[in-house]
PDB file of N, CA and C in Angstrom:
ATOM      1  N   MET A   1       0.911  -1.220   0.345  1.00  0.00           N
ATOM      2  CA  MET A   1      -0.029   0.474   0.095  1.00  0.00           C
ATOM      3  C   MET A   1       1.161   0.731  -0.086  1.00  0.00           C
ATOM      4  N   THR A   2       0.762   2.137  -0.513  1.00  0.00           N
ATOM      5  CA  THR A   2       1.590   3.563  -1.258  1.00  0.00           C
ATOM      6  C   THR A   2       0.978   4.318   0.277  1.00  0.00           C
ATOM      7  N   GLU A   3       2.242   5.739   0.186  1.00  0.00           N
ATOM      8  CA  GLU A   3       1.336   6.574   1.719  1.00  0.00           C
ATOM      9  C   GLU A   3       0.500   7.197   0.535  1.00  0.00           C
ATOM     10  N   GLU A   4       0.031   7.074  -0.048  1.00  0.00           N
ATOM     11  CA  GLU A   4      -1.055   8.056  -0.964  1.00  0.00           C
ATOM     12  C   GLU A   4      -2.215   7.310  -0.498  1.00  0.00           C
ATOM     13  N   GLN A   5      -2.246   5.945  -0.652  1.00  0.00           N
ATOM     14  CA  GLN A   5      -3.238   5.140  -0.666  1.00  0.00           C
ATOM     15  C   GLN A   5      -3.230   4.983   0.869  1.00  0.00           C
ATOM     16  N   ILE A   6      -2.652   5.119   2.235  1.00  0.00           N
ATOM     17  CA  ILE A   6      -2.810   5.356   2.965  1.00  0.00           C
ATOM     18  C   ILE A   6      -3.171   6.389   3.643  1.00  0.00           C
ATOM     19  N   LYS A   7      -2.668   7.516   3.168  1.00  0.00           N
ATOM     20  CA  LYS A   7      -3.403   9.085   3.732  1.00  0.00           C
ATOM     21  C   LYS A   7      -4.931   8.819   2.983  1.00  0.00           C
ATOM     22  N   GLN A   8      -5.837   8.669   1.696  1.00  0.00           N
ATOM     23  CA  GLN A   8      -6.245   8.478   1.297  1.00  0.00           C
ATOM     24  C   GLN A   8      -7.762   7.723   2.382  1.00  0.00           C
ATOM     25  N   THR A   9      -6.788   6.462   2.566  1.00  0.00           N
ATOM     26  CA  THR A   9      -7.802   5.817   4.066  1.00  0.00           C
ATOM     27  C   THR A   9      -8.078   5.977   5.468  1.00  0.00           C
ATOM     28  N   ILE A  10      -6.706   6.838   5.833  1.00  0.00           N
ATOM     29  CA  ILE A  10      -7.111   7.356   6.468  1.00  0.00           C
ATOM     30  C   ILE A  10      -7.999   8.876   6.609  1.00  0.00           C
ATOM     31  N   LEU A  11      -8.400   9.348   5.299  1.00  0.00           N
ATOM     32  CA  LEU A  11      -9.320  10.665   5.235  1.00  0.00           C
ATOM     33  C   LEU A  11     -10.888   9.977   5.039  1.00  0.00           C
ATOM     34  N   ARG A  12     -10.931   8.977   4.369  1.00  0.00           N
ATOM     35  CA  ARG A  12     -11.817   8.312   3.805  1.00  0.00           C
ATOM     36  C   ARG A  12     -12.649   7.928   6.086  1.00  0.00           C
ATOM     37  N   VAL A  13     -11.581   7.448   6.486  1.00  0.00           N
ATOM     38  CA  VAL A  13     -11.849   7.023   7.916  1.00  0.00           C
ATOM     39  C   VAL A  13     -12.413   8.181   8.729  1.00  0.00           C
ATOM     40  N   LEU A  14     -11.626   9.455   8.924  1.00  0.00           N
ATOM     41  CA  LEU A  14     -12.203  10.564   9.680  1.00  0.00           C
ATOM     42  C   LEU A  14     -13.249  11.207   9.556  1.00  0.00           C
ATOM     43  N   GLN A  15     -13.501  11.147   7.833  1.00  0.00           N
ATOM     44  CA  GLN A  15     -14.962  11.854   7.413  1.00  0.00           C
ATOM     45  C   GLN A  15     -15.747  11.326   8.800  1.00  0.00           C
ATOM     46  N   PRO A  16     -16.750  10.363   9.244  1.00  0.00           N
ATOM     47  CA  PRO A  16     -17.556  10.041   9.726  1.00  0.00           C
ATOM     48  C   PRO A  16     -17.636  10.622  11.154  1.00  0.00           C
ATOM     49  N   ILE A  17     -16.395  10.528  11.593  1.00  0.00           N
ATOM     50  CA  ILE A  17     -15.867  11.027  13.095  1.00  0.00           C
ATOM     51  C   ILE A  17     -15.692  12.737  12.685  1.00  0.00           C
ATOM     52  N   THR A  18     -15.774  13.177  11.988  1.00  0.00           N
ATOM     53  CA  THR A  18     -15.745  14.521  11.636  1.00  0.00           C
ATOM     54  C   THR A  18     -15.989  15.545  10.500  1.00  0.00           C
ATOM     55  N   PRO A  19     -17.339  14.800  10.336  1.00  0.00           N
ATOM     56  CA  PRO A  19     -18.041  14.705   9.753  1.00  0.00           C
ATOM     57  C   PRO A  19     -18.339  16.715   8.794  1.00  0.00           C
ATOM     58  N   GLU A  20     -17.998  17.881   9.972  1.00  0.00           N
ATOM     59  CA  GLU A  20     -17.821  18.991   9.887  1.00  0.00           C
ATOM     60  C   GLU A  20     -16.300  19.688   9.336  1.00  0.00           C
ATOM     61  N   ALA A  21     -15.403  19.223   9.262  1.00  0.00           N
ATOM     62  CA  ALA A  21     -13.937  19.477   8.943  1.00  0.00           C
ATOM     63  C   ALA A  21     -14.122  19.800   7.724  1.00  0.00           C
ATOM     64  N   ASP A  22     -13.107  20.127   7.346  1.00  0.00           N
ATOM     65  CA  ASP A  22     -13.008  20.262   5.085  1.00  0.00           C
ATOM     66  C   ASP A  22     -11.485  18.897   5.655  1.00  0.00           C
ATOM     67  N   LEU A  23     -11.569  18.180   5.052  1.00  0.00           N
ATOM     68  CA  LEU A  23     -10.109  17.704   5.436  1.00  0.00           C
ATOM     69  C   LEU A  23      -9.284  18.062   4.847  1.00  0.00           C
ATOM     70  N   ASP A  24      -9.350  18.618   3.783  1.00  0.00           N
ATOM     71  CA  ASP A  24      -8.798  19.070   2.374  1.00  0.00           C
ATOM     72  C   ASP A  24      -8.103  19.481   3.004  1.00  0.00           C
ATOM     73  N   GLU A  25      -8.466  20.776   4.009  1.00  0.00           N
ATOM     74  CA  GLU A  25      -7.544  21.768   4.470  1.00  0.00           C
ATOM     75  C   GLU A  25      -6.587  21.600   5.688  1.00  0.00           C
ATOM     76  N   LEU A  26      -6.808  20.213   5.918  1.00  0.00           N
ATOM     77  CA  LEU A  26      -5.697  19.342   7.220  1.00  0.00           C
ATOM     78  C   LEU A  26      -5.021  19.653   6.284  1.00  0.00           C
ATOM     79  N   ALA A  27      -3.679  20.123   6.874  1.00  0.00           N
ATOM     80  CA  ALA A  27      -2.006  20.175   6.219  1.00  0.00           C
ATOM     81  C   ALA A  27      -1.601  18.944   7.097  1.00  0.00           C
ATOM     82  N   ALA A  28      -0.142  18.578   6.381  1.00  0.00           N
ATOM     83  CA  ALA A  28      -0.021  16.951   6.803  1.00  0.00           C
ATOM     84  C   ALA A  28       0.788  16.985   7.466  1.00  0.00           C
ATOM     85  N   ASP A  29       1.318  18.625   8.239  1.00  0.00           N
ATOM     86  CA  ASP A  29       2.232  19.068   9.679  1.00  0.00           C
ATOM     87  C   ASP A  29       1.678  19.164  10.530  1.00  0.00           C
ATOM     88  N   GLU A  30       0.361  19.508  11.083  1.00  0.00           N
ATOM     89  CA  GLU A  30      -0.490  20.268  12.021  1.00  0.00           C
ATOM     90  C   GLU A  30      -1.097  18.932  12.662  1.00  0.00           C
ATOM     91  N   ASP A  31      -1.430  19.253  13.707  1.00  0.00           N
ATOM     92  CA  ASP A  31      -1.763  18.400  14.801  1.00  0.00           C
ATOM     93  C   ASP A  31      -2.903  18.190  14.628  1.00  0.00           C
ATOM     94  N   MET A  32      -3.101  17.001  14.466  1.00  0.00           N
ATOM     95  CA  MET A  32      -4.476  16.450  13.801  1.00  0.00           C
ATOM     96  C   MET A  32      -6.086  16.872  15.197  1.00  0.00           C
ATOM     97  N   GLN A  33      -5.631  17.336  15.834  1.00  0.00           N
ATOM     98  CA  GLN A  33      -6.556  16.176  17.410  1.00  0.00           C
ATOM     99  C   GLN A  33      -6.630  18.109  16.999  1.00  0.00           C
ATOM    100  N   GLU A  34      -6.052  18.861  17.676  1.00  0.00           N
ATOM    101  CA  GLU A  34      -6.474  20.274  17.946  1.00  0.00           C
ATOM    102  C   GLU A  34      -6.981  21.020  16.729  1.00  0.00           C
ATOM    103  N   ALA A  35      -6.475  20.673  15.188  1.00  0.00           N
ATOM    104  CA  ALA A  35      -7.200  20.848  13.634  1.00  0.00           C
ATOM    105  C   ALA A  35      -8.771  20.569  13.318  1.00  0.00           C
ATOM    106  N   LEU A  36      -8.464  19.145  14.091  1.00  0.00           N
ATOM    107  CA  LEU A  36     -10.002  18.836  13.388  1.00  0.00           C
ATOM    108  C   LEU A  36     -11.029  18.865  14.835  1.00  0.00           C
ATOM    109  N   ASP A  37     -10.548  18.928  16.130  1.00  0.00           N
ATOM    110  CA  ASP A  37     -11.407  19.543  17.750  1.00  0.00           C
ATOM    111  C   ASP A  37     -11.757  18.148  17.762  1.00  0.00           C
ATOM    112  N   ILE A  38     -11.445  17.332  17.374  1.00  0.00           N
ATOM    113  CA  ILE A  38     -11.455  16.007  18.128  1.00  0.00           C
ATOM    114  C   ILE A  38     -11.033  15.790  19.717  1.00  0.00           C
ATOM    115  N   ASP A  39     -11.770  14.777  20.436  1.00  0.00           N
ATOM    116  CA  ASP A  39     -11.427  14.276  21.546  1.00  0.00           C
ATOM    117  C   ASP A  39     -10.663  13.005  21.901  1.00  0.00           C
ATOM    118  N   SER A  40     -10.493  13.180  22.691  1.00  0.00           N
ATOM    119  CA  SER A  40      -9.968  11.425  23.277  1.00  0.00           C
ATOM    120  C   SER A  40     -10.394  10.295  22.736  1.00  0.00           C
ATOM    121  N   PHE A  41     -11.935  10.521  23.070  1.00  0.00           N
ATOM    122  CA  PHE A  41     -12.799   9.876  22.842  1.00  0.00           C
ATOM    123  C   PHE A  41     -12.888   9.247  20.744  1.00  0.00           C
ATOM    124  N   ASP A  42     -13.086  10.782  20.321  1.00  0.00           N
ATOM    125  CA  ASP A  42     -13.022  10.184  18.942  1.00  0.00           C
ATOM    126  C   ASP A  42     -11.728   9.845  18.063  1.00  0.00           C
ATOM    127  N   VAL A  43     -11.100  10.093  18.285  1.00  0.00           N
ATOM    128  CA  VAL A  43      -9.566   9.427  18.845  1.00  0.00           C
ATOM    129  C   VAL A  43      -9.523   7.997  18.888  1.00  0.00           C
ATOM    130  N   LEU A  44      -9.867   6.953  19.731  1.00  0.00           N
ATOM    131  CA  LEU A  44     -10.000   6.247  19.956  1.00  0.00           C
ATOM    132  C   LEU A  44     -10.975   5.227  18.876  1.00  0.00           C
ATOM    133  N   THR A  45     -12.015   6.256  18.950  1.00  0.00           N
ATOM    134  CA  THR A  45     -12.560   5.611  17.952  1.00  0.00           C
ATOM    135  C   THR A  45     -12.239   5.891  16.454  1.00  0.00           C
ATOM    136  N   PHE A  46     -11.432   6.725  16.240  1.00  0.00           N
ATOM    137  CA  PHE A  46     -10.409   6.774  15.106  1.00  0.00           C
ATOM    138  C   PHE A  46      -9.354   5.574  14.491  1.00  0.00           C
ATOM    139  N   PHE A  47      -9.274   5.299  15.381  1.00  0.00           N
ATOM    140  CA  PHE A  47      -7.870   4.113  15.688  1.00  0.00           C
ATOM    141  C   PHE A  47      -8.711   2.883  15.534  1.00  0.00           C
ATOM    142  N   VAL A  48      -9.406   2.720  16.053  1.00  0.00           N
ATOM    143  CA  VAL A  48     -10.337   1.577  15.578  1.00  0.00           C
ATOM    144  C   VAL A  48     -10.804   1.077  14.708  1.00  0.00           C
ATOM    145  N   LYS A  49     -11.191   2.442  14.019  1.00  0.00           N
ATOM    146  CA  LYS A  49     -11.347   1.885  12.809  1.00  0.00           C
ATOM    147  C   LYS A  49     -10.520   1.530  11.334  1.00  0.00           C
ATOM    148  N   LEU A  50      -9.556   2.497  11.857  1.00  0.00           N
ATOM    149  CA  LEU A  50      -7.900   2.074  11.431  1.00  0.00           C
ATOM    150  C   LEU A  50      -7.595   0.789  11.180  1.00  0.00           C
ATOM    151  N   TYR A  51      -8.049   0.114  12.278  1.00  0.00           N
ATOM    152  CA  TYR A  51      -7.604  -1.101  13.127  1.00  0.00           C
ATOM    153  C   TYR A  51      -8.415  -1.820  12.163  1.00  0.00           C
ATOM    154  N   GLU A  52      -9.776  -1.847  11.875  1.00  0.00           N
ATOM    155  CA  GLU A  52     -10.783  -2.444  11.249  1.00  0.00           C
ATOM    156  C   GLU A  52     -10.256  -2.074   9.722  1.00  0.00           C
ATOM    157  N   GLU A  53      -9.916  -0.923   8.889  1.00  0.00           N
ATOM    158  CA  GLU A  53      -9.437  -0.580   7.440  1.00  0.00           C
ATOM    159  C   GLU A  53      -8.563  -1.947   7.163  1.00  0.00           C
ATOM    160  N   LEU A  54      -7.260  -1.397   7.955  1.00  0.00           N
ATOM    161  CA  LEU A  54      -5.921  -1.732   7.525  1.00  0.00           C
ATOM    162  C   LEU A  54      -5.317  -2.644   8.613  1.00  0.00           C
ATOM    163  N   GLY A  55      -5.649  -3.012   9.465  1.00  0.00           N
ATOM    164  CA  GLY A  55      -5.138  -4.391  10.250  1.00  0.00           C
ATOM    165  C   GLY A  55      -4.099  -3.681  10.682  1.00  0.00           C
ATOM    166  N   VAL A  56      -3.666  -2.673  11.634  1.00  0.00           N
ATOM    167  CA  VAL A  56      -2.914  -2.183  12.094  1.00  0.00           C
ATOM    168  C   VAL A  56      -3.446  -1.377  13.327  1.00  0.00           C
ATOM    169  N   GLU A  57      -3.045  -2.624  14.777  1.00  0.00           N
ATOM    170  CA  GLU A  57      -3.277  -1.999  16.105  1.00  0.00           C
ATOM    171  C   GLU A  57      -1.658  -0.477  16.172  1.00  0.00           C
ATOM    172  N   ILE A  58      -2.719   0.068  16.835  1.00  0.00           N
ATOM    173  CA  ILE A  58      -1.819   1.446  17.170  1.00  0.00           C
ATOM    174  C   ILE A  58      -2.397   1.394  18.809  1.00  0.00           C
ATOM    175  N   PRO A  59      -1.047   1.144  19.887  1.00  0.00           N
ATOM    176  CA  PRO A  59      -1.646   0.426  21.106  1.00  0.00           C
ATOM    177  C   PRO A  59      -1.251   2.451  21.464  1.00  0.00           C
ATOM    178  N   GLU A  60      -1.921   1.832  22.617  1.00  0.00           N
ATOM    179  CA  GLU A  60      -2.376   3.638  23.888  1.00  0.00           C
ATOM    180  C   GLU A  60      -0.941   4.331  23.698  1.00  0.00           C
ATOM    181  N   GLU A  61       0.206   3.720  23.864  1.00  0.00           N
ATOM    182  CA  GLU A  61       1.689   3.681  24.420  1.00  0.00           C
ATOM    183  C   GLU A  61       2.170   4.694  23.247  1.00  0.00           C
ATOM    184  N   ASP A  62       1.701   4.187  22.253  1.00  0.00           N
ATOM    185  CA  ASP A  62       2.506   5.073  21.191  1.00  0.00           C
ATOM    186  C   ASP A  62       1.261   6.159  20.680  1.00  0.00           C
ATOM    187  N   TYR A  63       0.357   6.845  20.724  1.00  0.00           N
ATOM    188  CA  TYR A  63      -0.755   7.448  20.978  1.00  0.00           C
ATOM    189  C   TYR A  63       0.611   8.704  20.582  1.00  0.00           C
ATOM    190  N   GLY A  64       1.277   9.103  21.327  1.00  0.00           N
ATOM    191  CA  GLY A  64       1.864  10.087  21.271  1.00  0.00           C
ATOM    192  C   GLY A  64       2.926  10.875  20.481  1.00  0.00           C
ATOM    193  N   GLN A  65       3.363   9.636  20.128  1.00  0.00           N
ATOM    194  CA  GLN A  65       3.998   9.737  18.288  1.00  0.00           C
ATOM    195  C   GLN A  65       3.079  10.087  16.754  1.00  0.00           C
ATOM    196  N   ILE A  66       1.888  10.287  17.712  1.00  0.00           N
ATOM    197  CA  ILE A  66       1.244  10.480  16.308  1.00  0.00           C
ATOM    198  C   ILE A  66       0.161  11.846  16.116  1.00  0.00           C
ATOM    199  N   ILE A  67       0.399  12.438  16.132  1.00  0.00           N
ATOM    200  CA  ILE A  67       0.520  13.650  16.468  1.00  0.00           C
ATOM    201  C   ILE A  67       0.089  14.554  14.771  1.00  0.00           C
ATOM    202  N   THR A  68       0.409  14.201  13.860  1.00  0.00           N
ATOM    203  CA  THR A  68       0.022  15.022  12.183  1.00  0.00           C
ATOM    204  C   THR A  68       0.300  13.525  11.769  1.00  0.00           C
ATOM    205  N   LEU A  69      -0.916  14.132  10.156  1.00  0.00           N
ATOM    206  CA  LEU A  69      -1.647  13.136   9.481  1.00  0.00           C
ATOM    207  C   LEU A  69       0.017  12.568   8.895  1.00  0.00           C
ATOM    208  N   ASN A  70       1.197  13.419   8.779  1.00  0.00           N
ATOM    209  CA  ASN A  70       2.974  12.675   8.179  1.00  0.00           C
ATOM    210  C   ASN A  70       3.159  11.629   9.135  1.00  0.00           C
ATOM    211  N   ASP A  71       2.715  11.784  10.440  1.00  0.00           N
ATOM    212  CA  ASP A  71       3.198  10.675  11.327  1.00  0.00           C
ATOM    213  C   ASP A  71       2.035   9.745  11.420  1.00  0.00           C
ATOM    214  N   LEU A  72       1.084   9.932  11.013  1.00  0.00           N
ATOM    215  CA  LEU A  72       0.031   8.610  11.298  1.00  0.00           C
ATOM    216  C   LEU A  72       0.508   8.200   9.789  1.00  0.00           C
ATOM    217  N   ILE A  73       0.899   8.381   8.630  1.00  0.00           N
ATOM    218  CA  ILE A  73       1.003   8.027   7.679  1.00  0.00           C
ATOM    219  C   ILE A  73       1.958   7.357   7.899  1.00  0.00           C
ATOM    220  N   GLY A  74       3.543   7.468   7.963  1.00  0.00           N
ATOM    221  CA  GLY A  74       4.472   6.914   8.444  1.00  0.00           C
ATOM    222  C   GLY A  74       3.977   5.734   9.852  1.00  0.00           C
ATOM    223  N   TYR A  75       3.689   6.449  10.647  1.00  0.00           N
ATOM    224  CA  TYR A  75       3.271   5.086  11.720  1.00  0.00           C
ATOM    225  C   TYR A  75       2.680   3.570  10.555  1.00  0.00           C
ATOM    226  N   LEU A  76       1.653   3.940  10.328  1.00  0.00           N
ATOM    227  CA  LEU A  76       0.853   2.804   9.423  1.00  0.00           C
ATOM    228  C   LEU A  76       1.950   2.555   8.654  1.00  0.00           C
ATOM    229  N   ALA A  77       2.729   2.831   7.440  1.00  0.00           N
ATOM    230  CA  ALA A  77       3.581   2.838   6.446  1.00  0.00           C
ATOM    231  C   ALA A  77       4.251   1.318   6.964  1.00  0.00           C
ATOM    232  N   ALA A  78       5.172   1.619   8.405  1.00  0.00           N
ATOM    233  CA  ALA A  78       6.271   1.340   9.034  1.00  0.00           C
ATOM    234  C   ALA A  78       5.796  -0.369   9.165  1.00  0.00           C
ATOM    235  N   ARG A  79       4.250  -0.469   9.209  1.00  0.00           N
ATOM    236  CA  ARG A  79       3.477  -1.341   9.802  1.00  0.00           C
ATOM    237  C   ARG A  79       2.545  -2.515   9.005  1.00  0.00           C
ATOM    238  N   ILE A  80       1.677  -1.513   8.314  1.00  0.00           N
ATOM    239  CA  ILE A  80       0.761  -2.236   7.137  1.00  0.00           C
ATOM    240  C   ILE A  80       2.000  -3.760   6.173  1.00  0.00           C
ATOM    241  N   ASP A  81       1.155  -4.871   6.525  1.00  0.00           N
ATOM    242  CA  ASP A  81       2.393  -5.926   5.470  1.00  0.00           C
ATOM    243  C   ASP A  81       2.231  -6.216   4.079  1.00  0.00           C
TER     244      ASP A  81
END
């Protein structure tokens, strides 16, 4: 899976969680939680949905490593079979 495919999957999974957000405006290097105004429950829901889509579990201890869209793409790309 390419990084672009991963990005498109991320955005597709995010859409129902943040229906009011303009995901096209999300900069790859900005804090996603802050930019999208999502709380910790939304983040957990998002990570569960990503697991369902991509089969990559994100353990709670790794949450701090995933701040930006680029962080998440890199994290997932390194773990997708």
